[in-house]
Amino acid sequence: MRVGIYAVGRLKAGPEKELASRYLDRFAKAGPACGLEFLRSVEIAESRSSNAATRKREEAAELVKAMPEGALVIILDERGKALDSQEFAELIGDHRDRGQRDLAIVIGGADGVDPDLREKTKLVLNLGRMTWPHQLVRILLAEQLYRAVTILSGHPYHRA
């Protein structure tokens, strides 16, 4: 299964980008052994529209254009469902085992994700009930993807 990250906004050069890249590189190297491939990380520009609803709609349209057709879409949102690392790994593994070709994980813009995109999504997850800056969300997601691979492969990285 090919896994992609689709985010509104750019992650600027610096320690956050370096750390996220380090975990994504680990994921890319360890993933193929258990049927997971890092497809890409796509960053779309934030909409410059004057109202939030229009911004979210425009951003959602760009995100959808960038995603592979037929992808399982997971949106990250503080109002989503909470999973622990084991459950997240099992979710990915279950969809992989059912033949899902692509997984698209979406990080919305500052205003959130368009309600229409949310409704078409299989799952909305949170990384905790607190609001996180996008830079940290990228790091947390990258680390959890790597952790999922280690859980699925039986590697000792995850010590639950």
C-alpha atoms as a PDB file:
ATOM      1  CA  MET A   1       0.000   0.000   0.000  1.00  0.00           C
ATOM      2  CA  ARG A   2       1.288   3.413  -0.960  1.00  0.00           C
ATOM      3  CA  VAL A   3       1.043   6.043   1.792  1.00  0.00           C
ATOM      4  CA  GLY A   4       0.993   9.757   1.072  1.00  0.00           C
ATOM      5  CA  ILE A   5       0.720  12.850   3.229  1.00  0.00           C
ATOM      6  CA  TYR A   6      -1.343  15.721   1.822  1.00  0.00           C
ATOM      7  CA  ALA A   7      -0.998  18.972   3.747  1.00  0.00           C
ATOM      8  CA  VAL A   8      -2.167  22.540   3.459  1.00  0.00           C
ATOM      9  CA  GLY A   9       0.789  24.861   3.943  1.00  0.00           C
ATOM     10  CA  ARG A  10       4.522  24.518   3.573  1.00  0.00           C
ATOM     11  CA  LEU A  11       6.943  23.133   6.117  1.00  0.00           C
ATOM     12  CA  LYS A  12       9.865  25.539   6.068  1.00  0.00           C
ATOM     13  CA  ALA A  13      13.491  24.469   6.377  1.00  0.00           C
ATOM     14  CA  GLY A  14      14.563  23.980   9.966  1.00  0.00           C
ATOM     15  CA  PRO A  15      14.608  21.442  12.771  1.00  0.00           C
ATOM     16  CA  GLU A  16      10.934  20.498  12.375  1.00  0.00           C
ATOM     17  CA  LYS A  17      11.363  19.660   8.696  1.00  0.00           C
ATOM     18  CA  GLU A  18      14.565  17.747   9.434  1.00  0.00           C
ATOM     19  CA  LEU A  19      12.909  15.644  12.141  1.00  0.00           C
ATOM     20  CA  ALA A  20       9.823  14.907  10.031  1.00  0.00           C
ATOM     21  CA  SER A  21      12.089  13.956   7.129  1.00  0.00           C
ATOM     22  CA  ARG A  22      14.124  11.654   9.355  1.00  0.00           C
ATOM     23  CA  TYR A  23      11.024   9.669  10.395  1.00  0.00           C
ATOM     24  CA  LEU A  24       9.637   9.598   6.846  1.00  0.00           C
ATOM     25  CA  ASP A  25      12.991   8.298   5.624  1.00  0.00           C
ATOM     26  CA  ARG A  26      12.874   5.546   8.261  1.00  0.00           C
ATOM     27  CA  PHE A  27       9.314   4.726   7.187  1.00  0.00           C
ATOM     28  CA  ALA A  28      10.353   4.638   3.513  1.00  0.00           C
ATOM     29  CA  LYS A  29      13.228   2.253   4.264  1.00  0.00           C
ATOM     30  CA  ALA A  30      11.377  -0.085   6.641  1.00  0.00           C
ATOM     31  CA  GLY A  31       7.933  -0.026   5.009  1.00  0.00           C
ATOM     32  CA  PRO A  32       8.458  -2.178   1.900  1.00  0.00           C
ATOM     33  CA  ALA A  33       9.299  -5.228   4.013  1.00  0.00           C
ATOM     34  CA  CYS A  34       5.744  -5.184   5.346  1.00  0.00           C
ATOM     35  CA  GLY A  35       3.953  -3.986   2.214  1.00  0.00           C
ATOM     36  CA  LEU A  36       3.988  -0.234   2.836  1.00  0.00           C
ATOM     37  CA  GLU A  37       5.574   2.286   0.533  1.00  0.00           C
ATOM     38  CA  PHE A  38       5.997   6.006   1.177  1.00  0.00           C
ATOM     39  CA  LEU A  39       4.476   7.589  -1.911  1.00  0.00           C
ATOM     40  CA  ARG A  40       5.081  11.273  -1.302  1.00  0.00           C
ATOM     41  CA  SER A  41       4.398  14.318   0.793  1.00  0.00           C
ATOM     42  CA  VAL A  42       2.338  16.942  -1.009  1.00  0.00           C
ATOM     43  CA  GLU A  43       2.069  20.508   0.221  1.00  0.00           C
ATOM     44  CA  ILE A  44      -0.554  22.792  -1.247  1.00  0.00           C
ATOM     45  CA  ALA A  45      -0.629  26.544  -0.782  1.00  0.00           C
ATOM     46  CA  GLU A  46      -3.056  28.007   1.705  1.00  0.00           C
ATOM     47  CA  SER A  47      -6.022  29.711   0.072  1.00  0.00           C
ATOM     48  CA  ARG A  48      -5.960  33.517   0.112  1.00  0.00           C
ATOM     49  CA  SER A  49      -9.754  33.844   0.083  1.00  0.00           C
ATOM     50  CA  SER A  50     -11.288  36.327   2.513  1.00  0.00           C
ATOM     51  CA  ASN A  51     -13.593  33.882   4.333  1.00  0.00           C
ATOM     52  CA  ALA A  52     -12.949  30.571   6.038  1.00  0.00           C
ATOM     53  CA  ALA A  53     -15.614  28.520   4.229  1.00  0.00           C
ATOM     54  CA  THR A  54     -14.240  29.471   0.822  1.00  0.00           C
ATOM     55  CA  ARG A  55     -10.662  28.851   1.963  1.00  0.00           C
ATOM     56  CA  LYS A  56     -11.543  25.362   3.167  1.00  0.00           C
ATOM     57  CA  ARG A  57     -13.446  24.553  -0.029  1.00  0.00           C
ATOM     58  CA  GLU A  58     -10.574  25.745  -2.257  1.00  0.00           C
ATOM     59  CA  GLU A  59      -7.972  23.882  -0.193  1.00  0.00           C
ATOM     60  CA  ALA A  60     -10.057  20.686  -0.248  1.00  0.00           C
ATOM     61  CA  ALA A  61     -10.344  20.870  -4.035  1.00  0.00           C
ATOM     62  CA  GLU A  62      -6.539  21.116  -4.356  1.00  0.00           C
ATOM     63  CA  LEU A  63      -6.020  18.254  -1.895  1.00  0.00           C
ATOM     64  CA  VAL A  64      -8.436  15.981  -3.757  1.00  0.00           C
ATOM     65  CA  LYS A  65      -6.720  16.784  -7.089  1.00  0.00           C
ATOM     66  CA  ALA A  66      -3.375  15.728  -5.612  1.00  0.00           C
ATOM     67  CA  MET A  67      -4.585  12.406  -4.163  1.00  0.00           C
ATOM     68  CA  PRO A  68      -4.611   9.128  -6.083  1.00  0.00           C
ATOM     69  CA  GLU A  69      -8.071   8.129  -7.246  1.00  0.00           C
ATOM     70  CA  GLY A  70      -9.624   5.511  -4.980  1.00  0.00           C
ATOM     71  CA  ALA A  71      -7.342   6.311  -2.052  1.00  0.00           C
ATOM     72  CA  LEU A  72      -8.491   5.637   1.470  1.00  0.00           C
ATOM     73  CA  VAL A  73      -8.557   9.118   2.989  1.00  0.00           C
ATOM     74  CA  ILE A  74      -7.822   9.771   6.640  1.00  0.00           C
ATOM     75  CA  ILE A  75      -8.168  13.331   7.894  1.00  0.00           C
ATOM     76  CA  LEU A  76      -6.336  14.533  10.987  1.00  0.00           C
ATOM     77  CA  ASP A  77      -8.524  16.769  13.123  1.00  0.00           C
ATOM     78  CA  GLU A  78      -8.714  17.442  16.855  1.00  0.00           C
ATOM     79  CA  ARG A  79     -12.414  16.447  16.789  1.00  0.00           C
ATOM     80  CA  GLY A  80     -11.631  13.057  15.262  1.00  0.00           C
ATOM     81  CA  LYS A  81     -11.373   9.624  16.806  1.00  0.00           C
ATOM     82  CA  ALA A  82      -8.438   8.855  19.086  1.00  0.00           C
ATOM     83  CA  LEU A  83      -6.406   5.718  18.419  1.00  0.00           C
ATOM     84  CA  ASP A  84      -3.353   4.437  20.215  1.00  0.00           C
ATOM     85  CA  SER A  85      -0.279   3.471  18.203  1.00  0.00           C
ATOM     86  CA  GLN A  86      -1.202  -0.213  18.101  1.00  0.00           C
ATOM     87  CA  GLU A  87      -4.703   0.565  16.796  1.00  0.00           C
ATOM     88  CA  PHE A  88      -3.281   2.948  14.181  1.00  0.00           C
ATOM     89  CA  ALA A  89      -0.863   0.258  12.979  1.00  0.00           C
ATOM     90  CA  GLU A  90      -3.668  -2.320  12.857  1.00  0.00           C
ATOM     91  CA  LEU A  91      -5.874   0.085  10.892  1.00  0.00           C
ATOM     92  CA  ILE A  92      -3.151   0.539   8.286  1.00  0.00           C
ATOM     93  CA  GLY A  93      -2.352  -3.184   8.244  1.00  0.00           C
ATOM     94  CA  ASP A  94      -6.013  -4.179   7.864  1.00  0.00           C
ATOM     95  CA  HIS A  95      -6.525  -1.911   4.860  1.00  0.00           C
ATOM     96  CA  ARG A  96      -3.241  -3.078   3.340  1.00  0.00           C
ATOM     97  CA  ASP A  97      -4.328  -6.704   3.791  1.00  0.00           C
ATOM     98  CA  ARG A  98      -7.689  -5.999   2.140  1.00  0.00           C
ATOM     99  CA  GLY A  99      -5.867  -4.764  -0.957  1.00  0.00           C
ATOM    100  CA  GLN A 100      -6.226  -1.023  -0.490  1.00  0.00           C
ATOM    101  CA  ARG A 101      -3.717   0.436  -2.956  1.00  0.00           C
ATOM    102  CA  ASP A 102      -3.384   4.003  -1.640  1.00  0.00           C
ATOM    103  CA  LEU A 103      -3.718   5.747   1.704  1.00  0.00           C
ATOM    104  CA  ALA A 104      -3.934   9.548   1.773  1.00  0.00           C
ATOM    105  CA  ILE A 105      -3.497  11.216   5.146  1.00  0.00           C
ATOM    106  CA  VAL A 106      -4.721  14.814   5.146  1.00  0.00           C
ATOM    107  CA  ILE A 107      -3.526  17.682   7.318  1.00  0.00           C
ATOM    108  CA  GLY A 108      -5.898  20.598   6.784  1.00  0.00           C
ATOM    109  CA  GLY A 109      -5.214  24.295   6.890  1.00  0.00           C
ATOM    110  CA  ALA A 110      -5.528  26.708   9.784  1.00  0.00           C
ATOM    111  CA  ASP A 111      -9.320  26.788   9.354  1.00  0.00           C
ATOM    112  CA  GLY A 112      -9.649  23.015   9.274  1.00  0.00           C
ATOM    113  CA  VAL A 113     -10.997  20.780   6.511  1.00  0.00           C
ATOM    114  CA  ASP A 114     -14.001  21.428   4.303  1.00  0.00           C
ATOM    115  CA  PRO A 115     -17.133  19.662   5.648  1.00  0.00           C
ATOM    116  CA  ASP A 116     -17.807  18.023   2.254  1.00  0.00           C
ATOM    117  CA  LEU A 117     -14.375  16.388   2.277  1.00  0.00           C
ATOM    118  CA  ARG A 118     -14.907  15.299   5.890  1.00  0.00           C
ATOM    119  CA  GLU A 119     -18.188  13.612   4.965  1.00  0.00           C
ATOM    120  CA  LYS A 120     -16.563  11.642   2.123  1.00  0.00           C
ATOM    121  CA  THR A 121     -13.764  10.459   4.376  1.00  0.00           C
ATOM    122  CA  LYS A 122     -13.667   7.005   5.926  1.00  0.00           C
ATOM    123  CA  LEU A 123     -11.971   8.176   9.088  1.00  0.00           C
ATOM    124  CA  VAL A 124     -11.171  11.354  10.967  1.00  0.00           C
ATOM    125  CA  LEU A 125      -8.407  10.869  13.536  1.00  0.00           C
ATOM    126  CA  ASN A 126      -6.939  13.095  16.177  1.00  0.00           C
ATOM    127  CA  LEU A 127      -3.439  13.174  17.573  1.00  0.00           C
ATOM    128  CA  GLY A 128      -4.848  14.286  20.906  1.00  0.00           C
ATOM    129  CA  ARG A 129      -7.590  16.706  21.834  1.00  0.00           C
ATOM    130  CA  MET A 130      -5.228  19.657  21.970  1.00  0.00           C
ATOM    131  CA  THR A 131      -4.565  21.854  18.961  1.00  0.00           C
ATOM    132  CA  TRP A 132      -1.097  21.305  17.488  1.00  0.00           C
ATOM    133  CA  PRO A 133       0.904  23.526  15.153  1.00  0.00           C
ATOM    134  CA  HIS A 134       1.167  22.053  11.673  1.00  0.00           C
ATOM    135  CA  GLN A 135       4.929  21.657  12.004  1.00  0.00           C
ATOM    136  CA  LEU A 136       4.484  19.384  15.023  1.00  0.00           C
ATOM    137  CA  VAL A 137       1.623  17.479  13.400  1.00  0.00           C
ATOM    138  CA  ARG A 138       3.945  16.567  10.532  1.00  0.00           C
ATOM    139  CA  ILE A 139       6.529  15.254  12.988  1.00  0.00           C
ATOM    140  CA  LEU A 140       3.945  13.340  15.039  1.00  0.00           C
ATOM    141  CA  LEU A 141       2.420  11.780  11.927  1.00  0.00           C
ATOM    142  CA  ALA A 142       5.790  10.836  10.451  1.00  0.00           C
ATOM    143  CA  GLU A 143       6.841   9.196  13.716  1.00  0.00           C
ATOM    144  CA  GLN A 144       3.544   7.299  14.011  1.00  0.00           C
ATOM    145  CA  LEU A 145       3.879   6.006  10.452  1.00  0.00           C
ATOM    146  CA  TYR A 146       7.352   4.722  11.256  1.00  0.00           C
ATOM    147  CA  ARG A 147       6.070   3.271  14.540  1.00  0.00           C
ATOM    148  CA  ALA A 148       3.227   1.547  12.650  1.00  0.00           C
ATOM    149  CA  VAL A 149       5.765  -0.177  10.398  1.00  0.00           C
ATOM    150  CA  THR A 150       7.761  -1.343  13.396  1.00  0.00           C
ATOM    151  CA  ILE A 151       4.622  -2.682  15.080  1.00  0.00           C
ATOM    152  CA  LEU A 152       3.499  -4.501  11.923  1.00  0.00           C
ATOM    153  CA  SER A 153       6.944  -6.009  11.419  1.00  0.00           C
ATOM    154  CA  GLY A 154       7.518  -6.971  15.058  1.00  0.00           C
ATOM    155  CA  HIS A 155      10.486  -4.632  15.455  1.00  0.00           C
ATOM    156  CA  PRO A 156      11.272  -3.724  19.091  1.00  0.00           C
ATOM    157  CA  TYR A 157      11.063   0.076  18.517  1.00  0.00           C
ATOM    158  CA  HIS A 158       7.521   0.112  19.936  1.00  0.00           C
ATOM    159  CA  ARG A 159       7.544  -0.977  23.545  1.00  0.00           C
ATOM    160  CA  ALA A 160       3.974  -1.020  24.767  1.00  0.00           C
END
